[in-house]
Amino acid sequence: MTVDFQTWMRAVWTSIMEPSDMARKVVAVDVPRNTLWTGLALVAVINVILVTLLQLLTPAPVAFQDQVFGLSPFSYAAIIGIFLVMFVYGTFYVGQMLGGKGTLVATLAIIVWFQSVSLTLEVIQLVLVLISPAIASLFGLLSLGALIWCFVNFVNVLHEFNNLGKAIAAVVLALLATGLAAGLLMAILGIGPSGGVA
């Protein structure tokens, strides 16, 4: 199936304005698990590319340059990849603990699509940086709010909570669990700002 630019942007817009409807569509699509894992790896790589470009266009303050640029692209990819994989499992298991009904495959599909929406907004922000850094910063703040709203609704539909408060709790707990697990794993593997993999 071929997806053109207009169709893609319409889907992204629907994800932000009507996140519950889009979540139902994503969950209903029958995509093989291996394809979804490949998609997750792809969004991780694209994320690395966008972060690198954004750093080149908006350099960090001198005091933070050593820390920011100390990470190699491979380290970025490893960190983002580990976080995303852990977040898939965190969102799935936390949801199950709270009585959710979402499957692991559906969780993976939701997160791959959410990351796709997020990356699309990052590309728009990257273009805005070239026009006006101030407008780009404002767009970034608005995008963050829209993405939080989007993901809470995605999780609400995924686990059939029918309760946004419960969905918010699930997202917060999943983020905490993911942060702890990913941090521990990266420490064991020696991945961090010091410059790559030990």
C-alpha atoms as a PDB file:
ATOM      1  CA  MET A   1       0.000   0.000   0.000  1.00  0.00           C
ATOM      2  CA  THR A   2       1.362   3.386  -1.051  1.00  0.00           C
ATOM      3  CA  VAL A   3       0.990   6.293   1.368  1.00  0.00           C
ATOM      4  CA  ASP A   4       1.436   9.791  -0.031  1.00  0.00           C
ATOM      5  CA  PHE A   5       2.388  12.911   1.899  1.00  0.00           C
ATOM      6  CA  GLN A   6      -1.165  14.206   2.210  1.00  0.00           C
ATOM      7  CA  THR A   7      -2.488  10.879   3.517  1.00  0.00           C
ATOM      8  CA  TRP A   8       0.373  10.636   6.022  1.00  0.00           C
ATOM      9  CA  MET A   9      -0.168  14.163   7.358  1.00  0.00           C
ATOM     10  CA  ARG A  10      -3.900  13.548   7.616  1.00  0.00           C
ATOM     11  CA  ALA A  11      -3.209  10.447   9.708  1.00  0.00           C
ATOM     12  CA  VAL A  12      -0.831  12.418  11.947  1.00  0.00           C
ATOM     13  CA  TRP A  13      -3.404  15.182  12.340  1.00  0.00           C
ATOM     14  CA  THR A  14      -6.107  12.652  13.226  1.00  0.00           C
ATOM     15  CA  SER A  15      -3.770  11.096  15.803  1.00  0.00           C
ATOM     16  CA  ILE A  16      -3.503  14.459  17.561  1.00  0.00           C
ATOM     17  CA  MET A  17      -7.081  15.680  17.183  1.00  0.00           C
ATOM     18  CA  GLU A  18      -8.875  12.320  17.525  1.00  0.00           C
ATOM     19  CA  PRO A  19      -6.326  10.048  19.211  1.00  0.00           C
ATOM     20  CA  SER A  20      -8.853   7.483  20.423  1.00  0.00           C
ATOM     21  CA  ASP A  21     -10.195   6.880  16.917  1.00  0.00           C
ATOM     22  CA  MET A  22      -6.690   6.540  15.501  1.00  0.00           C
ATOM     23  CA  ALA A  23      -5.664   4.165  18.310  1.00  0.00           C
ATOM     24  CA  ARG A  24      -8.581   1.868  17.456  1.00  0.00           C
ATOM     25  CA  LYS A  25      -7.503   1.842  13.815  1.00  0.00           C
ATOM     26  CA  VAL A  26      -3.874   1.068  14.738  1.00  0.00           C
ATOM     27  CA  VAL A  27      -4.857  -1.770  17.062  1.00  0.00           C
ATOM     28  CA  ALA A  28      -7.214  -3.193  14.428  1.00  0.00           C
ATOM     29  CA  VAL A  29      -4.513  -3.369  11.727  1.00  0.00           C
ATOM     30  CA  ASP A  30      -3.026  -6.846  11.453  1.00  0.00           C
ATOM     31  CA  VAL A  31       0.725  -6.281  11.167  1.00  0.00           C
ATOM     32  CA  PRO A  32       3.184  -9.164  11.790  1.00  0.00           C
ATOM     33  CA  ARG A  33       5.171  -8.865  14.999  1.00  0.00           C
ATOM     34  CA  ASN A  34       8.531  -9.028  13.171  1.00  0.00           C
ATOM     35  CA  THR A  35       7.478  -6.144  10.942  1.00  0.00           C
ATOM     36  CA  LEU A  36       6.563  -4.071  13.987  1.00  0.00           C
ATOM     37  CA  TRP A  37       9.928  -4.742  15.666  1.00  0.00           C
ATOM     38  CA  THR A  38      11.626  -3.703  12.417  1.00  0.00           C
ATOM     39  CA  GLY A  39       9.519  -0.540  12.442  1.00  0.00           C
ATOM     40  CA  LEU A  40      10.600   0.180  16.014  1.00  0.00           C
ATOM     41  CA  ALA A  41      14.258  -0.172  15.008  1.00  0.00           C
ATOM     42  CA  LEU A  42      13.659   2.139  12.043  1.00  0.00           C
ATOM     43  CA  VAL A  43      12.096   4.911  14.138  1.00  0.00           C
ATOM     44  CA  ALA A  44      15.033   4.626  16.558  1.00  0.00           C
ATOM     45  CA  VAL A  45      17.502   5.192  13.700  1.00  0.00           C
ATOM     46  CA  ILE A  46      15.483   8.090  12.283  1.00  0.00           C
ATOM     47  CA  ASN A  47      15.341   9.584  15.772  1.00  0.00           C
ATOM     48  CA  VAL A  48      19.149   9.522  15.948  1.00  0.00           C
ATOM     49  CA  ILE A  49      19.402  11.287  12.594  1.00  0.00           C
ATOM     50  CA  LEU A  50      16.942  14.002  13.612  1.00  0.00           C
ATOM     51  CA  VAL A  51      18.605  14.573  16.991  1.00  0.00           C
ATOM     52  CA  THR A  52      21.981  14.912  15.266  1.00  0.00           C
ATOM     53  CA  LEU A  53      20.601  17.395  12.732  1.00  0.00           C
ATOM     54  CA  LEU A  54      18.869  19.387  15.462  1.00  0.00           C
ATOM     55  CA  GLN A  55      22.141  19.603  17.413  1.00  0.00           C
ATOM     56  CA  LEU A  56      23.957  20.870  14.346  1.00  0.00           C
ATOM     57  CA  LEU A  57      21.312  23.539  13.735  1.00  0.00           C
ATOM     58  CA  THR A  58      20.907  24.561  17.395  1.00  0.00           C
ATOM     59  CA  PRO A  59      24.243  24.045  19.172  1.00  0.00           C
ATOM     60  CA  ALA A  60      24.133  23.504  22.920  1.00  0.00           C
ATOM     61  CA  PRO A  61      25.624  26.134  25.270  1.00  0.00           C
ATOM     62  CA  VAL A  62      29.389  25.839  25.651  1.00  0.00           C
ATOM     63  CA  ALA A  63      29.056  24.501  29.194  1.00  0.00           C
ATOM     64  CA  PHE A  64      27.069  21.517  27.917  1.00  0.00           C
ATOM     65  CA  GLN A  65      28.715  20.844  24.572  1.00  0.00           C
ATOM     66  CA  ASP A  66      31.074  18.179  25.902  1.00  0.00           C
ATOM     67  CA  GLN A  67      28.208  16.222  27.420  1.00  0.00           C
ATOM     68  CA  VAL A  68      25.882  16.611  24.437  1.00  0.00           C
ATOM     69  CA  PHE A  69      28.385  15.799  21.719  1.00  0.00           C
ATOM     70  CA  GLY A  70      30.163  13.142  23.758  1.00  0.00           C
ATOM     71  CA  LEU A  71      27.554  10.641  22.600  1.00  0.00           C
ATOM     72  CA  SER A  72      28.374   8.917  19.335  1.00  0.00           C
ATOM     73  CA  PRO A  73      25.544   8.115  16.868  1.00  0.00           C
ATOM     74  CA  PHE A  74      25.892   4.461  17.864  1.00  0.00           C
ATOM     75  CA  SER A  75      25.424   5.375  21.527  1.00  0.00           C
ATOM     76  CA  TYR A  76      22.367   7.460  20.673  1.00  0.00           C
ATOM     77  CA  ALA A  77      20.928   4.543  18.691  1.00  0.00           C
ATOM     78  CA  ALA A  78      21.650   2.117  21.531  1.00  0.00           C
ATOM     79  CA  ILE A  79      20.077   4.379  24.170  1.00  0.00           C
ATOM     80  CA  ILE A  80      16.976   5.143  22.117  1.00  0.00           C
ATOM     81  CA  GLY A  81      16.637   1.513  21.010  1.00  0.00           C
ATOM     82  CA  ILE A  82      16.928   0.170  24.554  1.00  0.00           C
ATOM     83  CA  PHE A  83      14.472   2.750  25.864  1.00  0.00           C
ATOM     84  CA  LEU A  84      11.885   2.004  23.184  1.00  0.00           C
ATOM     85  CA  VAL A  85      12.058  -1.761  23.668  1.00  0.00           C
ATOM     86  CA  MET A  86      11.777  -1.364  27.437  1.00  0.00           C
ATOM     87  CA  PHE A  87       8.912   1.092  26.984  1.00  0.00           C
ATOM     88  CA  VAL A  88       6.973  -1.406  24.875  1.00  0.00           C
ATOM     89  CA  TYR A  89       7.240  -4.023  27.621  1.00  0.00           C
ATOM     90  CA  GLY A  90       6.682  -1.436  30.356  1.00  0.00           C
ATOM     91  CA  THR A  91       3.491  -0.145  28.737  1.00  0.00           C
ATOM     92  CA  PHE A  92       2.256  -3.705  28.203  1.00  0.00           C
ATOM     93  CA  TYR A  93       2.986  -5.126  31.656  1.00  0.00           C
ATOM     94  CA  VAL A  94       1.962  -2.046  33.640  1.00  0.00           C
ATOM     95  CA  GLY A  95      -1.288  -1.979  31.705  1.00  0.00           C
ATOM     96  CA  GLN A  96      -1.870  -5.641  32.515  1.00  0.00           C
ATOM     97  CA  MET A  97      -1.174  -4.992  36.208  1.00  0.00           C
ATOM     98  CA  LEU A  98      -3.835  -2.269  36.188  1.00  0.00           C
ATOM     99  CA  GLY A  99      -6.386  -4.571  34.589  1.00  0.00           C
ATOM    100  CA  GLY A 100      -5.721  -3.626  30.973  1.00  0.00           C
ATOM    101  CA  LYS A 101      -6.528  -5.921  28.053  1.00  0.00           C
ATOM    102  CA  GLY A 102      -3.962  -4.803  25.464  1.00  0.00           C
ATOM    103  CA  THR A 103      -1.737  -7.438  23.869  1.00  0.00           C
ATOM    104  CA  LEU A 104       2.004  -7.129  23.388  1.00  0.00           C
ATOM    105  CA  VAL A 105       1.609  -6.893  19.597  1.00  0.00           C
ATOM    106  CA  ALA A 106      -1.030  -4.168  19.931  1.00  0.00           C
ATOM    107  CA  THR A 107       1.231  -2.305  22.380  1.00  0.00           C
ATOM    108  CA  LEU A 108       4.104  -2.533  19.913  1.00  0.00           C
ATOM    109  CA  ALA A 109       1.887  -1.243  17.096  1.00  0.00           C
ATOM    110  CA  ILE A 110       0.683   1.681  19.215  1.00  0.00           C
ATOM    111  CA  ILE A 111       4.222   2.716  20.181  1.00  0.00           C
ATOM    112  CA  VAL A 112       5.578   2.389  16.630  1.00  0.00           C
ATOM    113  CA  TRP A 113       2.790   4.606  15.326  1.00  0.00           C
ATOM    114  CA  PHE A 114       3.156   7.066  18.220  1.00  0.00           C
ATOM    115  CA  GLN A 115       6.866   7.346  17.489  1.00  0.00           C
ATOM    116  CA  SER A 116       6.047   7.931  13.826  1.00  0.00           C
ATOM    117  CA  VAL A 117       3.768  10.821  14.795  1.00  0.00           C
ATOM    118  CA  SER A 118       6.439  12.195  17.128  1.00  0.00           C
ATOM    119  CA  LEU A 119       9.115  12.006  14.421  1.00  0.00           C
ATOM    120  CA  THR A 120       6.852  13.795  11.959  1.00  0.00           C
ATOM    121  CA  LEU A 121       6.467  16.677  14.410  1.00  0.00           C
ATOM    122  CA  GLU A 122      10.240  16.685  14.942  1.00  0.00           C
ATOM    123  CA  VAL A 123      10.791  17.054  11.196  1.00  0.00           C
ATOM    124  CA  ILE A 124       8.395  20.011  11.130  1.00  0.00           C
ATOM    125  CA  GLN A 125      10.244  21.558  14.063  1.00  0.00           C
ATOM    126  CA  LEU A 126      13.547  21.014  12.266  1.00  0.00           C
ATOM    127  CA  VAL A 127      12.223  22.938   9.262  1.00  0.00           C
ATOM    128  CA  LEU A 128      10.938  25.717  11.530  1.00  0.00           C
ATOM    129  CA  VAL A 129      14.396  26.043  13.112  1.00  0.00           C
ATOM    130  CA  LEU A 130      15.673  27.157   9.707  1.00  0.00           C
ATOM    131  CA  ILE A 131      12.959  29.816   9.548  1.00  0.00           C
ATOM    132  CA  SER A 132      12.749  30.991  13.151  1.00  0.00           C
ATOM    133  CA  PRO A 133      14.260  29.286  16.233  1.00  0.00           C
ATOM    134  CA  ALA A 134      11.716  31.084  18.431  1.00  0.00           C
ATOM    135  CA  ILE A 135       8.774  29.696  16.461  1.00  0.00           C
ATOM    136  CA  ALA A 136      10.436  26.275  16.464  1.00  0.00           C
ATOM    137  CA  SER A 137      10.731  26.368  20.264  1.00  0.00           C
ATOM    138  CA  LEU A 138       7.065  27.317  20.627  1.00  0.00           C
ATOM    139  CA  PHE A 139       6.083  24.554  18.220  1.00  0.00           C
ATOM    140  CA  GLY A 140       8.174  22.123  20.259  1.00  0.00           C
ATOM    141  CA  LEU A 141       6.275  22.993  23.444  1.00  0.00           C
ATOM    142  CA  LEU A 142       2.911  22.667  21.713  1.00  0.00           C
ATOM    143  CA  SER A 143       4.000  19.367  20.176  1.00  0.00           C
ATOM    144  CA  LEU A 144       4.999  18.011  23.587  1.00  0.00           C
ATOM    145  CA  GLY A 145       1.555  18.772  24.994  1.00  0.00           C
ATOM    146  CA  ALA A 146      -0.148  17.256  21.954  1.00  0.00           C
ATOM    147  CA  LEU A 147       1.981  14.103  22.162  1.00  0.00           C
ATOM    148  CA  ILE A 148       1.239  13.611  25.861  1.00  0.00           C
ATOM    149  CA  TRP A 149      -2.493  13.933  25.159  1.00  0.00           C
ATOM    150  CA  CYS A 150      -2.151  11.611  22.187  1.00  0.00           C
ATOM    151  CA  PHE A 151      -0.296   8.859  24.046  1.00  0.00           C
ATOM    152  CA  VAL A 152      -2.567   8.919  27.102  1.00  0.00           C
ATOM    153  CA  ASN A 153      -5.541   8.353  24.801  1.00  0.00           C
ATOM    154  CA  PHE A 154      -3.645   5.659  22.890  1.00  0.00           C
ATOM    155  CA  VAL A 155      -3.003   3.755  26.128  1.00  0.00           C
ATOM    156  CA  ASN A 156      -6.587   4.267  27.247  1.00  0.00           C
ATOM    157  CA  VAL A 157      -7.847   2.597  24.067  1.00  0.00           C
ATOM    158  CA  LEU A 158      -5.095  -0.036  23.982  1.00  0.00           C
ATOM    159  CA  HIS A 159      -5.902  -1.398  27.432  1.00  0.00           C
ATOM    160  CA  GLU A 160      -9.630  -0.597  27.249  1.00  0.00           C
ATOM    161  CA  PHE A 161      -9.464   1.352  30.494  1.00  0.00           C
ATOM    162  CA  ASN A 162     -12.252   3.781  29.530  1.00  0.00           C
ATOM    163  CA  ASN A 163     -10.683   5.990  32.163  1.00  0.00           C
ATOM    164  CA  LEU A 164      -8.140   8.694  31.322  1.00  0.00           C
ATOM    165  CA  GLY A 165      -6.986   8.888  34.946  1.00  0.00           C
ATOM    166  CA  LYS A 166      -6.057   5.221  34.866  1.00  0.00           C
ATOM    167  CA  ALA A 167      -4.358   5.704  31.509  1.00  0.00           C
ATOM    168  CA  ILE A 168      -2.286   8.569  32.905  1.00  0.00           C
ATOM    169  CA  ALA A 169      -1.263   6.402  35.861  1.00  0.00           C
ATOM    170  CA  ALA A 170      -0.276   3.602  33.483  1.00  0.00           C
ATOM    171  CA  VAL A 171       1.848   5.955  31.355  1.00  0.00           C
ATOM    172  CA  VAL A 172       3.611   7.449  34.399  1.00  0.00           C
ATOM    173  CA  LEU A 173       4.333   4.034  35.918  1.00  0.00           C
ATOM    174  CA  ALA A 174       5.495   2.668  32.560  1.00  0.00           C
ATOM    175  CA  LEU A 175       7.891   5.602  32.139  1.00  0.00           C
ATOM    176  CA  LEU A 176       9.286   5.128  35.646  1.00  0.00           C
ATOM    177  CA  ALA A 177       9.732   1.383  35.153  1.00  0.00           C
ATOM    178  CA  THR A 178      11.276   1.939  31.721  1.00  0.00           C
ATOM    179  CA  GLY A 179      13.674   4.571  33.032  1.00  0.00           C
ATOM    180  CA  LEU A 180      14.881   2.337  35.839  1.00  0.00           C
ATOM    181  CA  ALA A 181      15.197  -0.783  33.681  1.00  0.00           C
ATOM    182  CA  ALA A 182      16.839   1.009  30.752  1.00  0.00           C
ATOM    183  CA  GLY A 183      19.234   2.867  33.056  1.00  0.00           C
ATOM    184  CA  LEU A 184      20.270  -0.365  34.743  1.00  0.00           C
ATOM    185  CA  LEU A 185      20.778  -2.163  31.442  1.00  0.00           C
ATOM    186  CA  MET A 186      22.814   0.708  29.970  1.00  0.00           C
ATOM    187  CA  ALA A 187      24.970   0.791  33.097  1.00  0.00           C
ATOM    188  CA  ILE A 188      25.625  -2.939  32.747  1.00  0.00           C
ATOM    189  CA  LEU A 189      26.445  -2.554  29.045  1.00  0.00           C
ATOM    190  CA  GLY A 190      28.568   0.541  29.687  1.00  0.00           C
ATOM    191  CA  ILE A 191      26.525   2.799  27.431  1.00  0.00           C
ATOM    192  CA  GLY A 192      26.427   6.468  28.390  1.00  0.00           C
ATOM    193  CA  PRO A 193      27.589  10.032  27.767  1.00  0.00           C
ATOM    194  CA  SER A 194      31.222   9.113  28.333  1.00  0.00           C
ATOM    195  CA  GLY A 195      31.521   8.245  24.695  1.00  0.00           C
ATOM    196  CA  GLY A 196      29.938   5.067  23.572  1.00  0.00           C
ATOM    197  CA  VAL A 197      29.987   1.445  24.572  1.00  0.00           C
ATOM    198  CA  ALA A 198      32.640   0.244  26.972  1.00  0.00           C
END
